[in-house]
Protein backbone atom coordinates (compact mmCIF):
# COMPACT_ATOMS: atom_id res chain seq x y z
CA UNK A 1 0.00 0.00 0.00
CA UNK A 2 2.83 2.42 0.58
CA UNK A 3 3.95 1.89 -3.01
CA UNK A 4 0.62 3.15 -4.33
CA UNK A 5 0.75 6.19 -2.05
CA UNK A 6 4.35 6.88 -3.09
CA UNK A 7 3.37 6.65 -6.76
CA UNK A 8 0.48 9.04 -6.17
CA UNK A 9 2.75 11.52 -4.39
CA UNK A 10 5.31 11.31 -7.19
CA UNK A 11 2.64 11.81 -9.82
CA UNK A 12 1.24 14.83 -7.99
CA UNK A 13 4.72 16.31 -7.63
CA UNK A 14 5.37 15.85 -11.33
CA UNK A 15 2.09 17.47 -12.29
CA UNK A 16 2.86 20.40 -9.99
CA UNK A 17 6.36 20.79 -11.44
CA UNK A 18 5.00 20.62 -14.99
CA UNK A 19 2.34 23.19 -14.18
CA UNK A 20 4.90 25.53 -12.58
CA UNK A 21 7.22 25.25 -15.56
CA UNK A 22 4.37 25.77 -18.07
CA UNK A 23 3.39 28.97 -16.28
CA UNK A 24 6.93 30.31 -16.62
CA UNK A 25 6.89 30.07 -20.39
CA UNK A 26 5.87 33.24 -22.15
CA UNK A 27 3.46 32.71 -25.07
CA UNK A 28 5.41 35.02 -27.38
CA UNK A 29 8.70 33.24 -26.76
CA UNK A 30 7.05 29.86 -27.24
CA UNK A 31 5.55 30.95 -30.57
CA UNK A 32 8.92 32.31 -31.68
CA UNK A 33 10.48 28.95 -30.79
CA UNK A 34 7.87 27.12 -32.85
CA UNK A 35 8.41 29.51 -35.75
CA UNK A 36 12.17 28.92 -35.53
CA UNK A 37 11.61 25.17 -35.56
CA UNK A 38 9.46 25.45 -38.69
CA UNK A 39 12.06 27.64 -40.41
CA UNK A 40 14.85 25.23 -39.51
CA UNK A 41 12.78 22.40 -40.96
CA UNK A 42 12.17 24.34 -44.17
CA UNK A 43 15.88 25.15 -44.36
CA UNK A 44 16.87 21.50 -44.00
CA UNK A 45 14.35 20.49 -46.65
CA UNK A 46 15.64 23.19 -49.02
CA UNK A 47 19.21 22.02 -48.40
CA UNK A 48 18.27 18.43 -49.23
CA UNK A 49 16.49 19.49 -52.42
CA UNK A 50 19.38 21.67 -53.61
CA UNK A 51 21.91 18.97 -52.71
CA UNK A 52 20.00 16.47 -54.84
CA UNK A 53 19.71 18.97 -57.69
CA UNK A 54 23.44 19.73 -57.49
CA UNK A 55 24.28 16.03 -57.58
CA UNK A 56 22.04 15.54 -60.61
CA UNK A 57 23.52 18.54 -62.43
CA UNK A 58 27.13 17.54 -61.78
CA UNK A 59 26.40 13.93 -62.75
CA UNK A 60 24.91 15.10 -66.06
CA UNK A 61 27.87 17.40 -66.69
CA UNK A 62 30.30 14.54 -66.01
CA UNK A 63 28.32 12.27 -68.36
CA UNK A 64 28.53 14.88 -71.13
CA UNK A 65 32.29 15.27 -70.59
CA UNK A 66 32.87 11.51 -70.69
CA UNK A 67 30.77 11.23 -73.85
CA UNK A 68 32.63 14.14 -75.45
CA UNK A 69 36.00 12.58 -74.60
CA UNK A 70 34.93 9.17 -75.95
CA UNK A 71 33.69 10.72 -79.20
CA UNK A 72 36.89 12.76 -79.62
CA UNK A 73 39.01 9.65 -79.01
CA UNK A 74 36.96 7.61 -81.51
CA UNK A 75 37.29 10.39 -84.11
CA UNK A 76 41.04 10.58 -83.55
CA UNK A 77 41.30 6.80 -84.00
CA UNK A 78 39.43 7.06 -87.33
CA UNK A 79 41.69 9.88 -88.47
CA UNK A 80 44.78 7.88 -87.49
CA UNK A 81 43.46 4.83 -89.35
CA UNK A 82 42.77 6.93 -92.46
CA UNK A 83 46.29 8.38 -92.27
CA UNK A 84 47.81 4.88 -92.05
CA UNK A 85 45.76 3.76 -95.04
CA UNK A 86 46.79 6.83 -97.02
CA UNK A 87 50.44 6.24 -96.19
CA UNK A 88 50.15 2.60 -97.24
CA UNK A 89 48.52 3.46 -100.60
CA UNK A 90 51.05 6.18 -101.43
CA UNK A 91 54.03 4.00 -100.59
PDB file of N, CA and C in Angstrom:
ATOM      1  N   UNK A   1       0.795  -1.186   0.000  1.00  0.00           N
ATOM      2  CA  UNK A   1       0.000   0.000   0.000  1.00  0.00           C
ATOM      3  C   UNK A   1       0.852   1.271   0.000  1.00  0.00           C
ATOM      4  N   UNK A   2       1.964   1.254   0.594  1.00  0.00           N
ATOM      5  CA  UNK A   2       2.829   2.421   0.577  1.00  0.00           C
ATOM      6  C   UNK A   2       3.349   2.712  -0.826  1.00  0.00           C
ATOM      7  N   UNK A   3       3.489   1.685  -1.645  1.00  0.00           N
ATOM      8  CA  UNK A   3       3.955   1.890  -3.006  1.00  0.00           C
ATOM      9  C   UNK A   3       2.947   2.707  -3.782  1.00  0.00           C
ATOM     10  N   UNK A   4       1.665   2.402  -3.620  1.00  0.00           N
ATOM     11  CA  UNK A   4       0.620   3.150  -4.331  1.00  0.00           C
ATOM     12  C   UNK A   4       0.605   4.600  -3.858  1.00  0.00           C
ATOM     13  N   UNK A   5       0.733   4.821  -2.560  1.00  0.00           N
ATOM     14  CA  UNK A   5       0.746   6.186  -2.051  1.00  0.00           C
ATOM     15  C   UNK A   5       1.984   6.928  -2.555  1.00  0.00           C
ATOM     16  N   UNK A   6       3.118   6.265  -2.588  1.00  0.00           N
ATOM     17  CA  UNK A   6       4.350   6.884  -3.085  1.00  0.00           C
ATOM     18  C   UNK A   6       4.212   7.264  -4.555  1.00  0.00           C
ATOM     19  N   UNK A   7       3.585   6.370  -5.343  1.00  0.00           N
ATOM     20  CA  UNK A   7       3.368   6.650  -6.761  1.00  0.00           C
ATOM     21  C   UNK A   7       2.433   7.839  -6.922  1.00  0.00           C
ATOM     22  N   UNK A   8       1.404   7.917  -6.088  1.00  0.00           N
ATOM     23  CA  UNK A   8       0.478   9.045  -6.172  1.00  0.00           C
ATOM     24  C   UNK A   8       1.174  10.350  -5.810  1.00  0.00           C
ATOM     25  N   UNK A   9       2.033  10.315  -4.798  1.00  0.00           N
ATOM     26  CA  UNK A   9       2.751  11.521  -4.391  1.00  0.00           C
ATOM     27  C   UNK A   9       3.709  11.947  -5.519  1.00  0.00           C
ATOM     28  N   UNK A  10       4.390  10.988  -6.117  1.00  0.00           N
ATOM     29  CA  UNK A  10       5.315  11.307  -7.194  1.00  0.00           C
ATOM     30  C   UNK A  10       4.563  11.884  -8.382  1.00  0.00           C
ATOM     31  N   UNK A  11       3.422  11.302  -8.704  1.00  0.00           N
ATOM     32  CA  UNK A  11       2.638  11.806  -9.822  1.00  0.00           C
ATOM     33  C   UNK A  11       2.157  13.220  -9.539  1.00  0.00           C
ATOM     34  N   UNK A  12       1.715  13.495  -8.347  1.00  0.00           N
ATOM     35  CA  UNK A  12       1.245  14.826  -7.985  1.00  0.00           C
ATOM     36  C   UNK A  12       2.393  15.829  -8.049  1.00  0.00           C
ATOM     37  N   UNK A  13       3.565  15.425  -7.553  1.00  0.00           N
ATOM     38  CA  UNK A  13       4.725  16.307  -7.627  1.00  0.00           C
ATOM     39  C   UNK A  13       5.080  16.627  -9.069  1.00  0.00           C
ATOM     40  N   UNK A  14       5.048  15.625  -9.918  1.00  0.00           N
ATOM     41  CA  UNK A  14       5.373  15.850 -11.331  1.00  0.00           C
ATOM     42  C   UNK A  14       4.370  16.797 -11.977  1.00  0.00           C
ATOM     43  N   UNK A  15       3.109  16.586 -11.711  1.00  0.00           N
ATOM     44  CA  UNK A  15       2.092  17.466 -12.285  1.00  0.00           C
ATOM     45  C   UNK A  15       2.302  18.894 -11.791  1.00  0.00           C
ATOM     46  N   UNK A  16       2.617  19.058 -10.531  1.00  0.00           N
ATOM     47  CA  UNK A  16       2.863  20.395  -9.990  1.00  0.00           C
ATOM     48  C   UNK A  16       4.097  21.026 -10.633  1.00  0.00           C
ATOM     49  N   UNK A  17       5.154  20.246 -10.804  1.00  0.00           N
ATOM     50  CA  UNK A  17       6.365  20.787 -11.445  1.00  0.00           C
ATOM     51  C   UNK A  17       6.099  21.158 -12.897  1.00  0.00           C
ATOM     52  N   UNK A  18       5.337  20.324 -13.595  1.00  0.00           N
ATOM     53  CA  UNK A  18       4.996  20.623 -14.992  1.00  0.00           C
ATOM     54  C   UNK A  18       4.159  21.889 -15.071  1.00  0.00           C
ATOM     55  N   UNK A  19       3.188  22.004 -14.191  1.00  0.00           N
ATOM     56  CA  UNK A  19       2.341  23.194 -14.178  1.00  0.00           C
ATOM     57  C   UNK A  19       3.165  24.446 -13.887  1.00  0.00           C
ATOM     58  N   UNK A  20       4.067  24.373 -12.920  1.00  0.00           N
ATOM     59  CA  UNK A  20       4.899  25.527 -12.583  1.00  0.00           C
ATOM     60  C   UNK A  20       5.784  25.921 -13.762  1.00  0.00           C
ATOM     61  N   UNK A  21       6.361  24.935 -14.424  1.00  0.00           N
ATOM     62  CA  UNK A  21       7.218  25.249 -15.563  1.00  0.00           C
ATOM     63  C   UNK A  21       6.397  25.812 -16.724  1.00  0.00           C
ATOM     64  N   UNK A  22       5.221  25.275 -16.979  1.00  0.00           N
ATOM     65  CA  UNK A  22       4.375  25.770 -18.069  1.00  0.00           C
ATOM     66  C   UNK A  22       3.959  27.214 -17.825  1.00  0.00           C
ATOM     67  N   UNK A  23       3.771  27.591 -16.581  1.00  0.00           N
ATOM     68  CA  UNK A  23       3.390  28.966 -16.277  1.00  0.00           C
ATOM     69  C   UNK A  23       4.552  29.940 -16.466  1.00  0.00           C
ATOM     70  N   UNK A  24       5.773  29.446 -16.434  1.00  0.00           N
ATOM     71  CA  UNK A  24       6.930  30.310 -16.624  1.00  0.00           C
ATOM     72  C   UNK A  24       7.152  30.649 -18.090  1.00  0.00           C
ATOM     73  N   UNK A  25       6.679  29.834 -18.962  1.00  0.00           N
ATOM     74  CA  UNK A  25       6.894  30.073 -20.395  1.00  0.00           C
ATOM     75  C   UNK A  25       6.002  31.206 -20.875  1.00  0.00           C
ATOM     76  N   UNK A  26       6.620  32.126 -21.580  1.00  0.00           N
ATOM     77  CA  UNK A  26       5.871  33.245 -22.151  1.00  0.00           C
ATOM     78  C   UNK A  26       5.299  32.799 -23.499  1.00  0.00           C
ATOM     79  N   UNK A  27       4.049  33.150 -23.814  1.00  0.00           N
ATOM     80  CA  UNK A  27       3.461  32.706 -25.075  1.00  0.00           C
ATOM     81  C   UNK A  27       4.217  33.225 -26.297  1.00  0.00           C
ATOM     82  N   UNK A  28       4.688  34.458 -26.231  1.00  0.00           N
ATOM     83  CA  UNK A  28       5.414  35.017 -27.375  1.00  0.00           C
ATOM     84  C   UNK A  28       6.700  34.260 -27.651  1.00  0.00           C
ATOM     85  N   UNK A  29       7.438  33.967 -26.605  1.00  0.00           N
ATOM     86  CA  UNK A  29       8.704  33.243 -26.764  1.00  0.00           C
ATOM     87  C   UNK A  29       8.446  31.820 -27.263  1.00  0.00           C
ATOM     88  N   UNK A  30       7.391  31.211 -26.790  1.00  0.00           N
ATOM     89  CA  UNK A  30       7.048  29.856 -27.244  1.00  0.00           C
ATOM     90  C   UNK A  30       6.687  29.868 -28.726  1.00  0.00           C
ATOM     91  N   UNK A  31       5.907  30.852 -29.149  1.00  0.00           N
ATOM     92  CA  UNK A  31       5.549  30.950 -30.568  1.00  0.00           C
ATOM     93  C   UNK A  31       6.775  31.229 -31.432  1.00  0.00           C
ATOM     94  N   UNK A  32       7.689  32.053 -30.939  1.00  0.00           N
ATOM     95  CA  UNK A  32       8.923  32.305 -31.676  1.00  0.00           C
ATOM     96  C   UNK A  32       9.759  31.027 -31.792  1.00  0.00           C
ATOM     97  N   UNK A  33       9.768  30.228 -30.734  1.00  0.00           N
ATOM     98  CA  UNK A  33      10.479  28.947 -30.788  1.00  0.00           C
ATOM     99  C   UNK A  33       9.867  28.001 -31.808  1.00  0.00           C
ATOM    100  N   UNK A  34       8.552  27.965 -31.852  1.00  0.00           N
ATOM    101  CA  UNK A  34       7.874  27.121 -32.849  1.00  0.00           C
ATOM    102  C   UNK A  34       8.139  27.627 -34.264  1.00  0.00           C
ATOM    103  N   UNK A  35       8.115  28.942 -34.451  1.00  0.00           N
ATOM    104  CA  UNK A  35       8.413  29.515 -35.754  1.00  0.00           C
ATOM    105  C   UNK A  35       9.845  29.180 -36.173  1.00  0.00           C
ATOM    106  N   UNK A  36      10.769  29.270 -35.230  1.00  0.00           N
ATOM    107  CA  UNK A  36      12.165  28.925 -35.528  1.00  0.00           C
ATOM    108  C   UNK A  36      12.278  27.458 -35.915  1.00  0.00           C
ATOM    109  N   UNK A  37      11.560  26.593 -35.231  1.00  0.00           N
ATOM    110  CA  UNK A  37      11.606  25.168 -35.562  1.00  0.00           C
ATOM    111  C   UNK A  37      11.081  24.914 -36.971  1.00  0.00           C
ATOM    112  N   UNK A  38      10.012  25.601 -37.342  1.00  0.00           N
ATOM    113  CA  UNK A  38       9.464  25.452 -38.692  1.00  0.00           C
ATOM    114  C   UNK A  38      10.469  25.954 -39.728  1.00  0.00           C
ATOM    115  N   UNK A  39      11.083  27.095 -39.463  1.00  0.00           N
ATOM    116  CA  UNK A  39      12.060  27.644 -40.406  1.00  0.00           C
ATOM    117  C   UNK A  39      13.287  26.747 -40.539  1.00  0.00           C
ATOM    118  N   UNK A  40      13.725  26.162 -39.444  1.00  0.00           N
ATOM    119  CA  UNK A  40      14.855  25.228 -39.512  1.00  0.00           C
ATOM    120  C   UNK A  40      14.460  24.014 -40.348  1.00  0.00           C
ATOM    121  N   UNK A  41      13.254  23.532 -40.160  1.00  0.00           N
ATOM    122  CA  UNK A  41      12.780  22.396 -40.961  1.00  0.00           C
ATOM    123  C   UNK A  41      12.726  22.726 -42.445  1.00  0.00           C
ATOM    124  N   UNK A  42      12.224  23.917 -42.766  1.00  0.00           N
ATOM    125  CA  UNK A  42      12.175  24.344 -44.167  1.00  0.00           C
ATOM    126  C   UNK A  42      13.590  24.481 -44.727  1.00  0.00           C
ATOM    127  N   UNK A  43      14.499  25.008 -43.928  1.00  0.00           N
ATOM    128  CA  UNK A  43      15.884  25.150 -44.358  1.00  0.00           C
ATOM    129  C   UNK A  43      16.538  23.804 -44.635  1.00  0.00           C
ATOM    130  N   UNK A  44      16.306  22.835 -43.781  1.00  0.00           N
ATOM    131  CA  UNK A  44      16.872  21.504 -44.004  1.00  0.00           C
ATOM    132  C   UNK A  44      16.277  20.856 -45.251  1.00  0.00           C
ATOM    133  N   UNK A  45      14.991  21.043 -45.450  1.00  0.00           N
ATOM    134  CA  UNK A  45      14.352  20.492 -46.648  1.00  0.00           C
ATOM    135  C   UNK A  45      14.912  21.163 -47.901  1.00  0.00           C
ATOM    136  N   UNK A  46      15.075  22.471 -47.870  1.00  0.00           N
ATOM    137  CA  UNK A  46      15.636  23.193 -49.020  1.00  0.00           C
ATOM    138  C   UNK A  46      17.065  22.723 -49.286  1.00  0.00           C
ATOM    139  N   UNK A  47      17.849  22.517 -48.231  1.00  0.00           N
ATOM    140  CA  UNK A  47      19.211  22.024 -48.402  1.00  0.00           C
ATOM    141  C   UNK A  47      19.209  20.664 -49.078  1.00  0.00           C
ATOM    142  N   UNK A  48      18.328  19.773 -48.638  1.00  0.00           N
ATOM    143  CA  UNK A  48      18.269  18.431 -49.226  1.00  0.00           C
ATOM    144  C   UNK A  48      17.873  18.498 -50.701  1.00  0.00           C
ATOM    145  N   UNK A  49      16.919  19.357 -51.023  1.00  0.00           N
ATOM    146  CA  UNK A  49      16.485  19.491 -52.422  1.00  0.00           C
ATOM    147  C   UNK A  49      17.622  20.029 -53.284  1.00  0.00           C
ATOM    148  N   UNK A  50      18.290  21.101 -52.826  1.00  0.00           N
ATOM    149  CA  UNK A  50      19.379  21.667 -53.612  1.00  0.00           C
ATOM    150  C   UNK A  50      20.572  20.732 -53.704  1.00  0.00           C
ATOM    151  N   UNK A  51      20.818  19.949 -52.658  1.00  0.00           N
ATOM    152  CA  UNK A  51      21.910  18.974 -52.711  1.00  0.00           C
ATOM    153  C   UNK A  51      21.614  17.910 -53.766  1.00  0.00           C
ATOM    154  N   UNK A  52      20.372  17.452 -53.820  1.00  0.00           N
ATOM    155  CA  UNK A  52      19.999  16.467 -54.835  1.00  0.00           C
ATOM    156  C   UNK A  52      20.077  17.062 -56.236  1.00  0.00           C
ATOM    157  N   UNK A  53      19.629  18.304 -56.393  1.00  0.00           N
ATOM    158  CA  UNK A  53      19.714  18.967 -57.692  1.00  0.00           C
ATOM    159  C   UNK A  53      21.165  19.165 -58.116  1.00  0.00           C
ATOM    160  N   UNK A  54      22.023  19.548 -57.178  1.00  0.00           N
ATOM    161  CA  UNK A  54      23.439  19.730 -57.489  1.00  0.00           C
ATOM    162  C   UNK A  54      24.064  18.407 -57.919  1.00  0.00           C
ATOM    163  N   UNK A  55      23.752  17.344 -57.212  1.00  0.00           N
ATOM    164  CA  UNK A  55      24.280  16.033 -57.580  1.00  0.00           C
ATOM    165  C   UNK A  55      23.822  15.646 -58.979  1.00  0.00           C
ATOM    166  N   UNK A  56      22.554  15.872 -59.284  1.00  0.00           N
ATOM    167  CA  UNK A  56      22.042  15.535 -60.610  1.00  0.00           C
ATOM    168  C   UNK A  56      22.716  16.377 -61.693  1.00  0.00           C
ATOM    169  N   UNK A  57      22.895  17.661 -61.431  1.00  0.00           N
ATOM    170  CA  UNK A  57      23.517  18.539 -62.426  1.00  0.00           C
ATOM    171  C   UNK A  57      24.976  18.162 -62.661  1.00  0.00           C
ATOM    172  N   UNK A  58      25.720  17.904 -61.601  1.00  0.00           N
ATOM    173  CA  UNK A  58      27.128  17.538 -61.775  1.00  0.00           C
ATOM    174  C   UNK A  58      27.268  16.171 -62.421  1.00  0.00           C
ATOM    175  N   UNK A  59      26.354  15.248 -62.122  1.00  0.00           N
ATOM    176  CA  UNK A  59      26.399  13.932 -62.749  1.00  0.00           C
ATOM    177  C   UNK A  59      26.152  14.064 -64.254  1.00  0.00           C
ATOM    178  N   UNK A  60      25.187  14.883 -64.631  1.00  0.00           N
ATOM    179  CA  UNK A  60      24.907  15.097 -66.057  1.00  0.00           C
ATOM    180  C   UNK A  60      26.091  15.763 -66.751  1.00  0.00           C
ATOM    181  N   UNK A  61      26.707  16.742 -66.104  1.00  0.00           N
ATOM    182  CA  UNK A  61      27.869  17.402 -66.692  1.00  0.00           C
ATOM    183  C   UNK A  61      29.025  16.413 -66.871  1.00  0.00           C
ATOM    184  N   UNK A  62      29.237  15.552 -65.892  1.00  0.00           N
ATOM    185  CA  UNK A  62      30.297  14.545 -66.011  1.00  0.00           C
ATOM    186  C   UNK A  62      29.981  13.553 -67.124  1.00  0.00           C
ATOM    187  N   UNK A  63      28.709  13.191 -67.284  1.00  0.00           N
ATOM    188  CA  UNK A  63      28.323  12.269 -68.357  1.00  0.00           C
ATOM    189  C   UNK A  63      28.575  12.906 -69.726  1.00  0.00           C
ATOM    190  N   UNK A  64      28.273  14.188 -69.868  1.00  0.00           N
ATOM    191  CA  UNK A  64      28.526  14.884 -71.131  1.00  0.00           C
ATOM    192  C   UNK A  64      30.024  14.923 -71.415  1.00  0.00           C
ATOM    193  N   UNK A  65      30.833  15.214 -70.397  1.00  0.00           N
ATOM    194  CA  UNK A  65      32.286  15.274 -70.587  1.00  0.00           C
ATOM    195  C   UNK A  65      32.840  13.910 -70.992  1.00  0.00           C
ATOM    196  N   UNK A  66      32.395  12.849 -70.336  1.00  0.00           N
ATOM    197  CA  UNK A  66      32.870  11.507 -70.688  1.00  0.00           C
ATOM    198  C   UNK A  66      32.454  11.160 -72.110  1.00  0.00           C
ATOM    199  N   UNK A  67      31.225  11.473 -72.479  1.00  0.00           N
ATOM    200  CA  UNK A  67      30.765  11.225 -73.846  1.00  0.00           C
ATOM    201  C   UNK A  67      31.564  12.018 -74.862  1.00  0.00           C
ATOM    202  N   UNK A  68      31.841  13.280 -74.554  1.00  0.00           N
ATOM    203  CA  UNK A  68      32.627  14.137 -75.445  1.00  0.00           C
ATOM    204  C   UNK A  68      34.036  13.556 -75.626  1.00  0.00           C
ATOM    205  N   UNK A  69      34.653  13.159 -74.525  1.00  0.00           N
ATOM    206  CA  UNK A  69      35.998  12.584 -74.599  1.00  0.00           C
ATOM    207  C   UNK A  69      36.019  11.280 -75.394  1.00  0.00           C
ATOM    208  N   UNK A  70      35.009  10.428 -75.196  1.00  0.00           N
ATOM    209  CA  UNK A  70      34.932   9.174 -75.953  1.00  0.00           C
ATOM    210  C   UNK A  70      34.754   9.439 -77.446  1.00  0.00           C
ATOM    211  N   UNK A  71      33.909  10.399 -77.788  1.00  0.00           N
ATOM    212  CA  UNK A  71      33.689  10.724 -79.197  1.00  0.00           C
ATOM    213  C   UNK A  71      34.948  11.306 -79.820  1.00  0.00           C
ATOM    214  N   UNK A  72      35.646  12.170 -79.099  1.00  0.00           N
ATOM    215  CA  UNK A  72      36.885  12.756 -79.615  1.00  0.00           C
ATOM    216  C   UNK A  72      37.943  11.674 -79.823  1.00  0.00           C
ATOM    217  N   UNK A  73      38.036  10.734 -78.884  1.00  0.00           N
ATOM    218  CA  UNK A  73      39.010   9.653 -79.010  1.00  0.00           C
ATOM    219  C   UNK A  73      38.665   8.751 -80.199  1.00  0.00           C
ATOM    220  N   UNK A  74      37.373   8.439 -80.375  1.00  0.00           N
ATOM    221  CA  UNK A  74      36.957   7.608 -81.508  1.00  0.00           C
ATOM    222  C   UNK A  74      37.251   8.319 -82.832  1.00  0.00           C
ATOM    223  N   UNK A  75      37.000   9.630 -82.886  1.00  0.00           N
ATOM    224  CA  UNK A  75      37.287  10.390 -84.115  1.00  0.00           C
ATOM    225  C   UNK A  75      38.778  10.394 -84.396  1.00  0.00           C
ATOM    226  N   UNK A  76      39.587  10.576 -83.351  1.00  0.00           N
ATOM    227  CA  UNK A  76      41.038  10.581 -83.545  1.00  0.00           C
ATOM    228  C   UNK A  76      41.528   9.214 -84.037  1.00  0.00           C
ATOM    229  N   UNK A  77      40.929   8.141 -83.530  1.00  0.00           N
ATOM    230  CA  UNK A  77      41.304   6.804 -84.001  1.00  0.00           C
ATOM    231  C   UNK A  77      40.950   6.622 -85.476  1.00  0.00           C
ATOM    232  N   UNK A  78      39.804   7.149 -85.910  1.00  0.00           N
ATOM    233  CA  UNK A  78      39.426   7.064 -87.328  1.00  0.00           C
ATOM    234  C   UNK A  78      40.379   7.862 -88.210  1.00  0.00           C
ATOM    235  N   UNK A  79      40.750   9.047 -87.718  1.00  0.00           N
ATOM    236  CA  UNK A  79      41.695   9.876 -88.471  1.00  0.00           C
ATOM    237  C   UNK A  79      43.040   9.162 -88.572  1.00  0.00           C
ATOM    238  N   UNK A  80      43.498   8.598 -87.471  1.00  0.00           N
ATOM    239  CA  UNK A  80      44.777   7.878 -87.490  1.00  0.00           C
ATOM    240  C   UNK A  80      44.726   6.694 -88.453  1.00  0.00           C
ATOM    241  N   UNK A  81      43.618   5.966 -88.439  1.00  0.00           N
ATOM    242  CA  UNK A  81      43.462   4.828 -89.347  1.00  0.00           C
ATOM    243  C   UNK A  81      43.476   5.298 -90.801  1.00  0.00           C
ATOM    244  N   UNK A  82      42.783   6.386 -91.098  1.00  0.00           N
ATOM    245  CA  UNK A  82      42.766   6.930 -92.461  1.00  0.00           C
ATOM    246  C   UNK A  82      44.171   7.376 -92.878  1.00  0.00           C
ATOM    247  N   UNK A  83      44.928   7.949 -91.966  1.00  0.00           N
ATOM    248  CA  UNK A  83      46.293   8.376 -92.272  1.00  0.00           C
ATOM    249  C   UNK A  83      47.186   7.169 -92.565  1.00  0.00           C
ATOM    250  N   UNK A  84      47.017   6.089 -91.800  1.00  0.00           N
ATOM    251  CA  UNK A  84      47.806   4.875 -92.051  1.00  0.00           C
ATOM    252  C   UNK A  84      47.472   4.287 -93.405  1.00  0.00           C
ATOM    253  N   UNK A  85      46.169   4.287 -93.734  1.00  0.00           N
ATOM    254  CA  UNK A  85      45.763   3.757 -95.044  1.00  0.00           C
ATOM    255  C   UNK A  85      46.335   4.626 -96.175  1.00  0.00           C
ATOM    256  N   UNK A  86      46.282   5.921 -95.988  1.00  0.00           N
ATOM    257  CA  UNK A  86      46.794   6.834 -97.017  1.00  0.00           C
ATOM    258  C   UNK A  86      48.303   6.653 -97.194  1.00  0.00           C
ATOM    259  N   UNK A  87      48.992   6.459 -96.096  1.00  0.00           N
ATOM    260  CA  UNK A  87      50.439   6.237 -96.187  1.00  0.00           C
ATOM    261  C   UNK A  87      50.755   4.915 -96.855  1.00  0.00           C
ATOM    262  N   UNK A  88      49.947   3.911 -96.624  1.00  0.00           N
ATOM    263  CA  UNK A  88      50.150   2.598 -97.244  1.00  0.00           C
ATOM    264  C   UNK A  88      49.862   2.613 -98.724  1.00  0.00           C
ATOM    265  N   UNK A  89      48.881   3.375 -99.177  1.00  0.00           N
ATOM    266  CA  UNK A  89      48.518   3.461-100.597  1.00  0.00           C
ATOM    267  C   UNK A  89      49.571   4.233-101.362  1.00  0.00           C
ATOM    268  N   UNK A  90      50.057   5.341-100.779  1.00  0.00           N
ATOM    269  CA  UNK A  90      51.051   6.183-101.430  1.00  0.00           C
ATOM    270  C   UNK A  90      52.412   5.487-101.542  1.00  0.00           C
ATOM    271  N   UNK A  91      52.711   4.615-100.610  1.00  0.00           N
ATOM    272  CA  UNK A  91      54.032   3.998-100.594  1.00  0.00           C
ATOM    273  C   UNK A  91      54.141   2.899-101.568  1.00  0.00           C
TER     274      UNK A  91
END
